[in-house]
């Protein structure tokens, strides 16, 4: 069973980034990211928000784009970015499996 909402700490851990960077990206992309807020004001991210943050992460950290460049890329062809992110995630999972196999030998 998957969760409906994830805390900013869980999102940061999944991305491998700091909480402050996730907060910064959330504030930098208000049209794309609109996390819910708890009664205390804590951000609650959906799975869709996390996928968007993964796309931002890919464009900024992997491809080296600026935030403005990432916003333009997402506006132009978001499906292409999504495919690249999914392919990269698959390759990382395969690499992790290979590392486990190597350590077991």
PDB file of N, CA and C in Angstrom:
ATOM      1  N   UNK A   1       0.837  -1.180   0.000  1.00  0.00           N
ATOM      2  CA  UNK A   1       0.000   0.000   0.000  1.00  0.00           C
ATOM      3  C   UNK A   1       0.883   1.246   0.000  1.00  0.00           C
ATOM      4  N   UNK A   2       0.627   2.131  -0.920  1.00  0.00           N
ATOM      5  CA  UNK A   2       1.426   3.344  -1.002  1.00  0.00           C
ATOM      6  C   UNK A   2       0.782   4.464  -0.201  1.00  0.00           C
ATOM      7  N   UNK A   3       1.622   5.367   0.243  1.00  0.00           N
ATOM      8  CA  UNK A   3       1.141   6.498   1.020  1.00  0.00           C
ATOM      9  C   UNK A   3       0.565   7.559   0.085  1.00  0.00           C
ATOM     10  N   UNK A   4      -0.345   8.350   0.601  1.00  0.00           N
ATOM     11  CA  UNK A   4      -0.890   9.466  -0.170  1.00  0.00           C
ATOM     12  C   UNK A   4       0.022  10.683  -0.086  1.00  0.00           C
ATOM     13  N   UNK A   5       0.604  10.911   1.086  1.00  0.00           N
ATOM     14  CA  UNK A   5       1.441  12.090   1.292  1.00  0.00           C
ATOM     15  C   UNK A   5       2.761  11.708   1.940  1.00  0.00           C
ATOM     16  N   UNK A   6       3.804  12.433   1.550  1.00  0.00           N
ATOM     17  CA  UNK A   6       5.147  12.201   2.061  1.00  0.00           C
ATOM     18  C   UNK A   6       5.673  13.495   2.667  1.00  0.00           C
ATOM     19  N   UNK A   7       6.422  13.374   3.754  1.00  0.00           N
ATOM     20  CA  UNK A   7       6.999  14.553   4.388  1.00  0.00           C
ATOM     21  C   UNK A   7       8.172  15.061   3.555  1.00  0.00           C
ATOM     22  N   UNK A   8       8.585  16.279   3.823  1.00  0.00           N
ATOM     23  CA  UNK A   8       9.705  16.855   3.088  1.00  0.00           C
ATOM     24  C   UNK A   8      10.988  16.073   3.362  1.00  0.00           C
ATOM     25  N   UNK A   9      11.121  15.520   4.556  1.00  0.00           N
ATOM     26  CA  UNK A   9      12.277  14.693   4.875  1.00  0.00           C
ATOM     27  C   UNK A   9      12.322  13.410   4.060  1.00  0.00           C
ATOM     28  N   UNK A  10      11.166  12.787   3.883  1.00  0.00           N
ATOM     29  CA  UNK A  10      11.091  11.564   3.064  1.00  0.00           C
ATOM     30  C   UNK A  10      11.416  11.869   1.609  1.00  0.00           C
ATOM     31  N   UNK A  11      10.932  12.996   1.121  1.00  0.00           N
ATOM     32  CA  UNK A  11      11.193  13.396  -0.263  1.00  0.00           C
ATOM     33  C   UNK A  11      12.683  13.676  -0.447  1.00  0.00           C
ATOM     34  N   UNK A  12      13.270  14.411   0.493  1.00  0.00           N
ATOM     35  CA  UNK A  12      14.697  14.725   0.412  1.00  0.00           C
ATOM     36  C   UNK A  12      15.537  13.448   0.418  1.00  0.00           C
ATOM     37  N   UNK A  13      15.164  12.490   1.254  1.00  0.00           N
ATOM     38  CA  UNK A  13      15.896  11.220   1.311  1.00  0.00           C
ATOM     39  C   UNK A  13      15.779  10.461  -0.007  1.00  0.00           C
ATOM     40  N   UNK A  14      14.601  10.467  -0.605  1.00  0.00           N
ATOM     41  CA  UNK A  14      14.412   9.770  -1.873  1.00  0.00           C
ATOM     42  C   UNK A  14      15.230  10.408  -2.989  1.00  0.00           C
ATOM     43  N   UNK A  15      15.348  11.724  -2.963  1.00  0.00           N
ATOM     44  CA  UNK A  15      16.122  12.437  -3.978  1.00  0.00           C
ATOM     45  C   UNK A  15      17.624  12.422  -3.683  1.00  0.00           C
ATOM     46  N   UNK A  16      17.974  12.143  -2.428  1.00  0.00           N
ATOM     47  CA  UNK A  16      19.375  12.198  -2.041  1.00  0.00           C
ATOM     48  C   UNK A  16      19.868  13.630  -1.901  1.00  0.00           C
ATOM     49  N   UNK A  17      18.982  14.521  -1.543  1.00  0.00           N
ATOM     50  CA  UNK A  17      19.310  15.942  -1.399  1.00  0.00           C
ATOM     51  C   UNK A  17      18.888  16.433  -0.017  1.00  0.00           C
ATOM     52  N   UNK A  18      19.233  17.671   0.285  1.00  0.00           N
ATOM     53  CA  UNK A  18      18.886  18.239   1.587  1.00  0.00           C
ATOM     54  C   UNK A  18      17.446  18.742   1.595  1.00  0.00           C
ATOM     55  N   UNK A  19      16.897  18.850   2.791  1.00  0.00           N
ATOM     56  CA  UNK A  19      15.538  19.368   2.955  1.00  0.00           C
ATOM     57  C   UNK A  19      15.465  20.804   2.450  1.00  0.00           C
ATOM     58  N   UNK A  20      16.503  21.584   2.717  1.00  0.00           N
ATOM     59  CA  UNK A  20      16.481  22.989   2.286  1.00  0.00           C
ATOM     60  C   UNK A  20      16.460  23.111   0.767  1.00  0.00           C
ATOM     61  N   UNK A  21      17.121  22.192   0.062  1.00  0.00           N
ATOM     62  CA  UNK A  21      17.096  22.237  -1.400  1.00  0.00           C
ATOM     63  C   UNK A  21      15.711  21.870  -1.928  1.00  0.00           C
ATOM     64  N   UNK A  22      15.073  20.889  -1.323  1.00  0.00           N
ATOM     65  CA  UNK A  22      13.710  20.513  -1.730  1.00  0.00           C
ATOM     66  C   UNK A  22      12.769  21.698  -1.500  1.00  0.00           C
ATOM     67  N   UNK A  23      12.923  22.360  -0.369  1.00  0.00           N
ATOM     68  CA  UNK A  23      12.102  23.542  -0.064  1.00  0.00           C
ATOM     69  C   UNK A  23      12.361  24.649  -1.097  1.00  0.00           C
ATOM     70  N   UNK A  24      13.637  24.862  -1.442  1.00  0.00           N
ATOM     71  CA  UNK A  24      14.007  25.879  -2.428  1.00  0.00           C
ATOM     72  C   UNK A  24      13.396  25.571  -3.793  1.00  0.00           C
ATOM     73  N   UNK A  25      13.508  24.310  -4.229  1.00  0.00           N
ATOM     74  CA  UNK A  25      12.917  23.938  -5.519  1.00  0.00           C
ATOM     75  C   UNK A  25      11.400  24.081  -5.497  1.00  0.00           C
ATOM     76  N   UNK A  26      10.782  23.742  -4.387  1.00  0.00           N
ATOM     77  CA  UNK A  26       9.332  23.891  -4.265  1.00  0.00           C
ATOM     78  C   UNK A  26       8.937  25.351  -4.427  1.00  0.00           C
ATOM     79  N   UNK A  27       9.689  26.237  -3.809  1.00  0.00           N
ATOM     80  CA  UNK A  27       9.403  27.665  -3.928  1.00  0.00           C
ATOM     81  C   UNK A  27       9.747  28.207  -5.314  1.00  0.00           C
ATOM     82  N   UNK A  28      10.706  27.591  -5.996  1.00  0.00           N
ATOM     83  CA  UNK A  28      11.138  28.053  -7.317  1.00  0.00           C
ATOM     84  C   UNK A  28      10.203  27.614  -8.439  1.00  0.00           C
ATOM     85  N   UNK A  29       9.413  26.574  -8.218  1.00  0.00           N
ATOM     86  CA  UNK A  29       8.505  26.051  -9.241  1.00  0.00           C
ATOM     87  C   UNK A  29       7.070  26.024  -8.718  1.00  0.00           C
ATOM     88  N   UNK A  30       6.504  27.192  -8.395  1.00  0.00           N
ATOM     89  CA  UNK A  30       5.160  27.205  -7.789  1.00  0.00           C
ATOM     90  C   UNK A  30       4.051  26.735  -8.731  1.00  0.00           C
ATOM     91  N   UNK A  31       4.270  26.824 -10.031  1.00  0.00           N
ATOM     92  CA  UNK A  31       3.240  26.351 -10.975  1.00  0.00           C
ATOM     93  C   UNK A  31       3.212  24.835 -11.072  1.00  0.00           C
ATOM     94  N   UNK A  32       4.355  24.213 -10.817  1.00  0.00           N
ATOM     95  CA  UNK A  32       4.455  22.758 -10.949  1.00  0.00           C
ATOM     96  C   UNK A  32       4.300  22.027  -9.618  1.00  0.00           C
ATOM     97  N   UNK A  33       4.713  22.666  -8.532  1.00  0.00           N
ATOM     98  CA  UNK A  33       4.723  22.017  -7.224  1.00  0.00           C
ATOM     99  C   UNK A  33       3.832  22.779  -6.255  1.00  0.00           C
ATOM    100  N   UNK A  34       2.797  22.102  -5.792  1.00  0.00           N
ATOM    101  CA  UNK A  34       1.882  22.695  -4.818  1.00  0.00           C
ATOM    102  C   UNK A  34       1.582  21.681  -3.725  1.00  0.00           C
ATOM    103  N   UNK A  35       2.569  21.476  -2.841  1.00  0.00           N
ATOM    104  CA  UNK A  35       2.328  20.496  -1.774  1.00  0.00           C
ATOM    105  C   UNK A  35       1.242  20.969  -0.821  1.00  0.00           C
ATOM    106  N   UNK A  36       0.538  20.010  -0.256  1.00  0.00           N
ATOM    107  CA  UNK A  36      -0.471  20.307   0.752  1.00  0.00           C
ATOM    108  C   UNK A  36       0.247  20.749   2.026  1.00  0.00           C
ATOM    109  N   UNK A  37      -0.476  21.403   2.899  1.00  0.00           N
ATOM    110  CA  UNK A  37       0.090  21.818   4.186  1.00  0.00           C
ATOM    111  C   UNK A  37      -0.717  21.184   5.313  1.00  0.00           C
ATOM    112  N   UNK A  38      -0.005  20.762   6.341  1.00  0.00           N
ATOM    113  CA  UNK A  38      -0.685  20.241   7.530  1.00  0.00           C
ATOM    114  C   UNK A  38      -1.154  21.425   8.365  1.00  0.00           C
ATOM    115  N   UNK A  39      -1.859  21.127   9.448  1.00  0.00           N
ATOM    116  CA  UNK A  39      -2.316  22.189  10.345  1.00  0.00           C
ATOM    117  C   UNK A  39      -1.132  22.964  10.929  1.00  0.00           C
ATOM    118  N   UNK A  40       0.010  22.300  11.083  1.00  0.00           N
ATOM    119  CA  UNK A  40       1.217  22.962  11.577  1.00  0.00           C
ATOM    120  C   UNK A  40       1.951  23.735  10.486  1.00  0.00           C
ATOM    121  N   UNK A  41       1.549  23.554   9.227  1.00  0.00           N
ATOM    122  CA  UNK A  41       2.212  24.236   8.117  1.00  0.00           C
ATOM    123  C   UNK A  41       3.294  23.424   7.441  1.00  0.00           C
ATOM    124  N   UNK A  42       3.440  22.150   7.825  1.00  0.00           N
ATOM    125  CA  UNK A  42       4.435  21.288   7.184  1.00  0.00           C
ATOM    126  C   UNK A  42       3.978  20.892   5.789  1.00  0.00           C
ATOM    127  N   UNK A  43       4.929  20.833   4.868  1.00  0.00           N
ATOM    128  CA  UNK A  43       4.616  20.435   3.496  1.00  0.00           C
ATOM    129  C   UNK A  43       4.361  18.930   3.425  1.00  0.00           C
ATOM    130  N   UNK A  44       3.358  18.544   2.640  1.00  0.00           N
ATOM    131  CA  UNK A  44       3.032  17.145   2.397  1.00  0.00           C
ATOM    132  C   UNK A  44       3.001  16.943   0.884  1.00  0.00           C
ATOM    133  N   UNK A  45       3.907  16.119   0.356  1.00  0.00           N
ATOM    134  CA  UNK A  45       4.053  15.921  -1.076  1.00  0.00           C
ATOM    135  C   UNK A  45       3.340  14.663  -1.544  1.00  0.00           C
ATOM    136  N   UNK A  46       2.720  14.747  -2.714  1.00  0.00           N
ATOM    137  CA  UNK A  46       2.108  13.574  -3.338  1.00  0.00           C
ATOM    138  C   UNK A  46       3.160  12.870  -4.176  1.00  0.00           C
ATOM    139  N   UNK A  47       2.831  11.681  -4.657  1.00  0.00           N
ATOM    140  CA  UNK A  47       3.740  10.944  -5.541  1.00  0.00           C
ATOM    141  C   UNK A  47       3.993  11.765  -6.812  1.00  0.00           C
ATOM    142  N   UNK A  48       2.990  12.470  -7.303  1.00  0.00           N
ATOM    143  CA  UNK A  48       3.149  13.316  -8.497  1.00  0.00           C
ATOM    144  C   UNK A  48       4.140  14.452  -8.226  1.00  0.00           C
ATOM    145  N   UNK A  49       4.070  15.049  -7.044  1.00  0.00           N
ATOM    146  CA  UNK A  49       5.028  16.094  -6.666  1.00  0.00           C
ATOM    147  C   UNK A  49       6.446  15.537  -6.651  1.00  0.00           C
ATOM    148  N   UNK A  50       6.598  14.329  -6.134  1.00  0.00           N
ATOM    149  CA  UNK A  50       7.923  13.709  -6.064  1.00  0.00           C
ATOM    150  C   UNK A  50       8.458  13.454  -7.471  1.00  0.00           C
ATOM    151  N   UNK A  51       7.606  13.000  -8.374  1.00  0.00           N
ATOM    152  CA  UNK A  51       8.041  12.777  -9.754  1.00  0.00           C
ATOM    153  C   UNK A  51       8.484  14.090 -10.401  1.00  0.00           C
ATOM    154  N   UNK A  52       7.768  15.173 -10.116  1.00  0.00           N
ATOM    155  CA  UNK A  52       8.162  16.480 -10.639  1.00  0.00           C
ATOM    156  C   UNK A  52       9.506  16.904 -10.064  1.00  0.00           C
ATOM    157  N   UNK A  53       9.700  16.677  -8.781  1.00  0.00           N
ATOM    158  CA  UNK A  53      10.984  17.008  -8.158  1.00  0.00           C
ATOM    159  C   UNK A  53      12.119  16.159  -8.731  1.00  0.00           C
ATOM    160  N   UNK A  54      11.836  14.914  -9.064  1.00  0.00           N
ATOM    161  CA  UNK A  54      12.847  14.071  -9.710  1.00  0.00           C
ATOM    162  C   UNK A  54      13.222  14.641 -11.078  1.00  0.00           C
ATOM    163  N   UNK A  55      12.234  15.159 -11.792  1.00  0.00           N
ATOM    164  CA  UNK A  55      12.506  15.778 -13.088  1.00  0.00           C
ATOM    165  C   UNK A  55      13.367  17.022 -12.925  1.00  0.00           C
ATOM    166  N   UNK A  56      13.043  17.837 -11.930  1.00  0.00           N
ATOM    167  CA  UNK A  56      13.848  19.030 -11.648  1.00  0.00           C
ATOM    168  C   UNK A  56      15.267  18.618 -11.267  1.00  0.00           C
ATOM    169  N   UNK A  57      15.387  17.611 -10.415  1.00  0.00           N
ATOM    170  CA  UNK A  57      16.693  17.101 -10.002  1.00  0.00           C
ATOM    171  C   UNK A  57      17.511  16.652 -11.205  1.00  0.00           C
ATOM    172  N   UNK A  58      16.901  15.913 -12.101  1.00  0.00           N
ATOM    173  CA  UNK A  58      17.583  15.434 -13.305  1.00  0.00           C
ATOM    174  C   UNK A  58      18.083  16.604 -14.141  1.00  0.00           C
ATOM    175  N   UNK A  59      17.210  17.571 -14.377  1.00  0.00           N
ATOM    176  CA  UNK A  59      17.585  18.692 -15.242  1.00  0.00           C
ATOM    177  C   UNK A  59      18.658  19.577 -14.623  1.00  0.00           C
ATOM    178  N   UNK A  60      18.566  19.805 -13.322  1.00  0.00           N
ATOM    179  CA  UNK A  60      19.502  20.715 -12.670  1.00  0.00           C
ATOM    180  C   UNK A  60      20.813  20.013 -12.311  1.00  0.00           C
ATOM    181  N   UNK A  61      20.723  18.852 -11.687  1.00  0.00           N
ATOM    182  CA  UNK A  61      21.922  18.171 -11.192  1.00  0.00           C
ATOM    183  C   UNK A  61      22.611  17.316 -12.250  1.00  0.00           C
ATOM    184  N   UNK A  62      21.845  16.611 -13.059  1.00  0.00           N
ATOM    185  CA  UNK A  62      22.436  15.708 -14.049  1.00  0.00           C
ATOM    186  C   UNK A  62      22.792  16.427 -15.356  1.00  0.00           C
ATOM    187  N   UNK A  63      21.876  17.263 -15.832  1.00  0.00           N
ATOM    188  CA  UNK A  63      22.104  17.954 -17.108  1.00  0.00           C
ATOM    189  C   UNK A  63      22.745  19.324 -16.946  1.00  0.00           C
ATOM    190  N   UNK A  64      22.776  19.849 -15.717  1.00  0.00           N
ATOM    191  CA  UNK A  64      23.456  21.110 -15.458  1.00  0.00           C
ATOM    192  C   UNK A  64      22.699  22.358 -15.895  1.00  0.00           C
ATOM    193  N   UNK A  65      21.389  22.256 -16.025  1.00  0.00           N
ATOM    194  CA  UNK A  65      20.606  23.423 -16.420  1.00  0.00           C
ATOM    195  C   UNK A  65      20.389  24.360 -15.231  1.00  0.00           C
ATOM    196  N   UNK A  66      20.137  25.620 -15.542  1.00  0.00           N
ATOM    197  CA  UNK A  66      19.744  26.572 -14.511  1.00  0.00           C
ATOM    198  C   UNK A  66      18.281  26.312 -14.168  1.00  0.00           C
ATOM    199  N   UNK A  67      17.788  26.947 -13.119  1.00  0.00           N
ATOM    200  CA  UNK A  67      16.375  26.788 -12.772  1.00  0.00           C
ATOM    201  C   UNK A  67      15.478  27.304 -13.890  1.00  0.00           C
ATOM    202  N   UNK A  68      15.882  28.408 -14.517  1.00  0.00           N
ATOM    203  CA  UNK A  68      15.093  28.946 -15.629  1.00  0.00           C
ATOM    204  C   UNK A  68      15.105  27.974 -16.810  1.00  0.00           C
ATOM    205  N   UNK A  69      16.274  27.393 -17.079  1.00  0.00           N
ATOM    206  CA  UNK A  69      16.385  26.423 -18.163  1.00  0.00           C
ATOM    207  C   UNK A  69      15.556  25.177 -17.882  1.00  0.00           C
ATOM    208  N   UNK A  70      15.560  24.738 -16.641  1.00  0.00           N
ATOM    209  CA  UNK A  70      14.760  23.573 -16.263  1.00  0.00           C
ATOM    210  C   UNK A  70      13.277  23.872 -16.424  1.00  0.00           C
ATOM    211  N   UNK A  71      12.852  25.071 -16.031  1.00  0.00           N
ATOM    212  CA  UNK A  71      11.439  25.450 -16.177  1.00  0.00           C
ATOM    213  C   UNK A  71      11.044  25.480 -17.653  1.00  0.00           C
ATOM    214  N   UNK A  72      11.920  26.007 -18.494  1.00  0.00           N
ATOM    215  CA  UNK A  72      11.621  26.033 -19.943  1.00  0.00           C
ATOM    216  C   UNK A  72      11.535  24.617 -20.505  1.00  0.00           C
ATOM    217  N   UNK A  73      12.463  23.765 -20.092  1.00  0.00           N
ATOM    218  CA  UNK A  73      12.475  22.377 -20.580  1.00  0.00           C
ATOM    219  C   UNK A  73      11.213  21.637 -20.159  1.00  0.00           C
ATOM    220  N   UNK A  74      10.799  21.830 -18.903  1.00  0.00           N
ATOM    221  CA  UNK A  74       9.585  21.172 -18.423  1.00  0.00           C
ATOM    222  C   UNK A  74       8.351  21.707 -19.133  1.00  0.00           C
ATOM    223  N   UNK A  75       8.334  22.984 -19.444  1.00  0.00           N
ATOM    224  CA  UNK A  75       7.197  23.565 -20.157  1.00  0.00           C
ATOM    225  C   UNK A  75       7.156  23.083 -21.604  1.00  0.00           C
ATOM    226  N   UNK A  76       8.317  22.889 -22.208  1.00  0.00           N
ATOM    227  CA  UNK A  76       8.384  22.511 -23.622  1.00  0.00           C
ATOM    228  C   UNK A  76       8.010  21.048 -23.844  1.00  0.00           C
ATOM    229  N   UNK A  77       8.643  20.127 -23.114  1.00  0.00           N
ATOM    230  CA  UNK A  77       8.408  18.701 -23.357  1.00  0.00           C
ATOM    231  C   UNK A  77       8.639  17.903 -22.082  1.00  0.00           C
ATOM    232  N   UNK A  78       7.637  17.910 -21.248  1.00  0.00           N
ATOM    233  CA  UNK A  78       7.746  17.238 -19.949  1.00  0.00           C
ATOM    234  C   UNK A  78       7.807  15.717 -20.087  1.00  0.00           C
ATOM    235  N   UNK A  79       7.143  15.158 -21.080  1.00  0.00           N
ATOM    236  CA  UNK A  79       7.136  13.700 -21.240  1.00  0.00           C
ATOM    237  C   UNK A  79       8.533  13.177 -21.582  1.00  0.00           C
ATOM    238  N   UNK A  80       9.290  13.933 -22.352  1.00  0.00           N
ATOM    239  CA  UNK A  80      10.646  13.526 -22.704  1.00  0.00           C
ATOM    240  C   UNK A  80      11.535  13.507 -21.459  1.00  0.00           C
ATOM    241  N   UNK A  81      11.376  14.512 -20.617  1.00  0.00           N
ATOM    242  CA  UNK A  81      12.138  14.573 -19.364  1.00  0.00           C
ATOM    243  C   UNK A  81      11.744  13.407 -18.471  1.00  0.00           C
ATOM    244  N   UNK A  82      10.447  13.104 -18.412  1.00  0.00           N
ATOM    245  CA  UNK A  82       9.968  12.006 -17.574  1.00  0.00           C
ATOM    246  C   UNK A  82      10.560  10.669 -18.026  1.00  0.00           C
ATOM    247  N   UNK A  83      10.635  10.454 -19.320  1.00  0.00           N
ATOM    248  CA  UNK A  83      11.222   9.216 -19.836  1.00  0.00           C
ATOM    249  C   UNK A  83      12.694   9.111 -19.457  1.00  0.00           C
ATOM    250  N   UNK A  84      13.415  10.217 -19.538  1.00  0.00           N
ATOM    251  CA  UNK A  84      14.830  10.213 -19.171  1.00  0.00           C
ATOM    252  C   UNK A  84      15.014   9.912 -17.688  1.00  0.00           C
ATOM    253  N   UNK A  85      14.167  10.491 -16.848  1.00  0.00           N
ATOM    254  CA  UNK A  85      14.249  10.252 -15.408  1.00  0.00           C
ATOM    255  C   UNK A  85      13.959   8.793 -15.091  1.00  0.00           C
ATOM    256  N   UNK A  86      12.941   8.228 -15.720  1.00  0.00           N
ATOM    257  CA  UNK A  86      12.600   6.820 -15.473  1.00  0.00           C
ATOM    258  C   UNK A  86      13.729   5.891 -15.934  1.00  0.00           C
ATOM    259  N   UNK A  87      14.345   6.200 -17.074  1.00  0.00           N
ATOM    260  CA  UNK A  87      15.465   5.399 -17.556  1.00  0.00           C
ATOM    261  C   UNK A  87      16.643   5.475 -16.593  1.00  0.00           C
ATOM    262  N   UNK A  88      16.929   6.661 -16.088  1.00  0.00           N
ATOM    263  CA  UNK A  88      18.021   6.830 -15.139  1.00  0.00           C
ATOM    264  C   UNK A  88      17.744   6.082 -13.838  1.00  0.00           C
ATOM    265  N   UNK A  89      16.505   6.138 -13.358  1.00  0.00           N
ATOM    266  CA  UNK A  89      16.128   5.395 -12.154  1.00  0.00           C
ATOM    267  C   UNK A  89      16.312   3.890 -12.352  1.00  0.00           C
ATOM    268  N   UNK A  90      15.927   3.397 -13.521  1.00  0.00           N
ATOM    269  CA  UNK A  90      16.090   1.970 -13.815  1.00  0.00           C
ATOM    270  C   UNK A  90      17.562   1.578 -13.828  1.00  0.00           C
ATOM    271  N   UNK A  91      18.393   2.404 -14.441  1.00  0.00           N
ATOM    272  CA  UNK A  91      19.830   2.119 -14.488  1.00  0.00           C
ATOM    273  C   UNK A  91      20.457   2.145 -13.093  1.00  0.00           C
ATOM    274  N   UNK A  92      20.013   3.060 -12.251  1.00  0.00           N
ATOM    275  CA  UNK A  92      20.522   3.105 -10.880  1.00  0.00           C
ATOM    276  C   UNK A  92      20.115   1.860 -10.105  1.00  0.00           C
ATOM    277  N   UNK A  93      18.891   1.371 -10.320  1.00  0.00           N
ATOM    278  CA  UNK A  93      18.426   0.158  -9.648  1.00  0.00           C
ATOM    279  C   UNK A  93      19.233  -1.053 -10.110  1.00  0.00           C
ATOM    280  N   UNK A  94      19.506  -1.127 -11.394  1.00  0.00           N
ATOM    281  CA  UNK A  94      20.305  -2.230 -11.940  1.00  0.00           C
ATOM    282  C   UNK A  94      21.714  -2.185 -11.359  1.00  0.00           C
ATOM    283  N   UNK A  95      22.280  -1.000 -11.284  1.00  0.00           N
ATOM    284  CA  UNK A  95      23.631  -0.859 -10.726  1.00  0.00           C
ATOM    285  C   UNK A  95      23.662  -1.313  -9.270  1.00  0.00           C
ATOM    286  N   UNK A  96      22.647  -0.941  -8.513  1.00  0.00           N
ATOM    287  CA  UNK A  96      22.588  -1.348  -7.112  1.00  0.00           C
ATOM    288  C   UNK A  96      22.525  -2.869  -6.994  1.00  0.00           C
ATOM    289  N   UNK A  97      21.757  -3.505  -7.872  1.00  0.00           N
ATOM    290  CA  UNK A  97      21.671  -4.967  -7.864  1.00  0.00           C
ATOM    291  C   UNK A  97      23.018  -5.597  -8.210  1.00  0.00           C
ATOM    292  N   UNK A  98      23.709  -5.024  -9.176  1.00  0.00           N
ATOM    293  CA  UNK A  98      25.020  -5.556  -9.562  1.00  0.00           C
ATOM    294  C   UNK A  98      26.027  -5.393  -8.434  1.00  0.00           C
ATOM    295  N   UNK A  99      25.979  -4.305  -7.720  1.00  0.00           N
ATOM    296  CA  UNK A  99      26.873  -4.096  -6.585  1.00  0.00           C
ATOM    297  C   UNK A  99      26.589  -5.142  -5.510  1.00  0.00           C
ATOM    298  N   UNK A 100      25.305  -5.425  -5.255  1.00  0.00           N
ATOM    299  CA  UNK A 100      24.948  -6.454  -4.272  1.00  0.00           C
ATOM    300  C   UNK A 100      25.490  -7.812  -4.691  1.00  0.00           C
ATOM    301  N   UNK A 101      25.356  -8.146  -5.951  1.00  0.00           N
ATOM    302  CA  UNK A 101      25.844  -9.430  -6.467  1.00  0.00           C
ATOM    303  C   UNK A 101      27.354  -9.507  -6.320  1.00  0.00           C
ATOM    304  N   UNK A 102      28.041  -8.415  -6.645  1.00  0.00           N
ATOM    305  CA  UNK A 102      29.499  -8.385  -6.546  1.00  0.00           C
ATOM    306  C   UNK A 102      29.940  -8.588  -5.100  1.00  0.00           C
ATOM    307  N   UNK A 103      29.236  -7.968  -4.169  1.00  0.00           N
ATOM    308  CA  UNK A 103      29.607  -8.105  -2.759  1.00  0.00           C
ATOM    309  C   UNK A 103      29.332  -9.507  -2.242  1.00  0.00           C
ATOM    310  N   UNK A 104      28.331 -10.176  -2.829  1.00  0.00           N
ATOM    311  CA  UNK A 104      27.994 -11.533  -2.393  1.00  0.00           C
ATOM    312  C   UNK A 104      29.018 -12.564  -2.892  1.00  0.00           C
ATOM    313  N   UNK A 105      29.771 -12.219  -3.905  1.00  0.00           N
ATOM    314  CA  UNK A 105      30.768 -13.170  -4.448  1.00  0.00           C
ATOM    315  C   UNK A 105      31.988 -13.297  -3.587  1.00  0.00           C
TER     316      UNK A 105
END
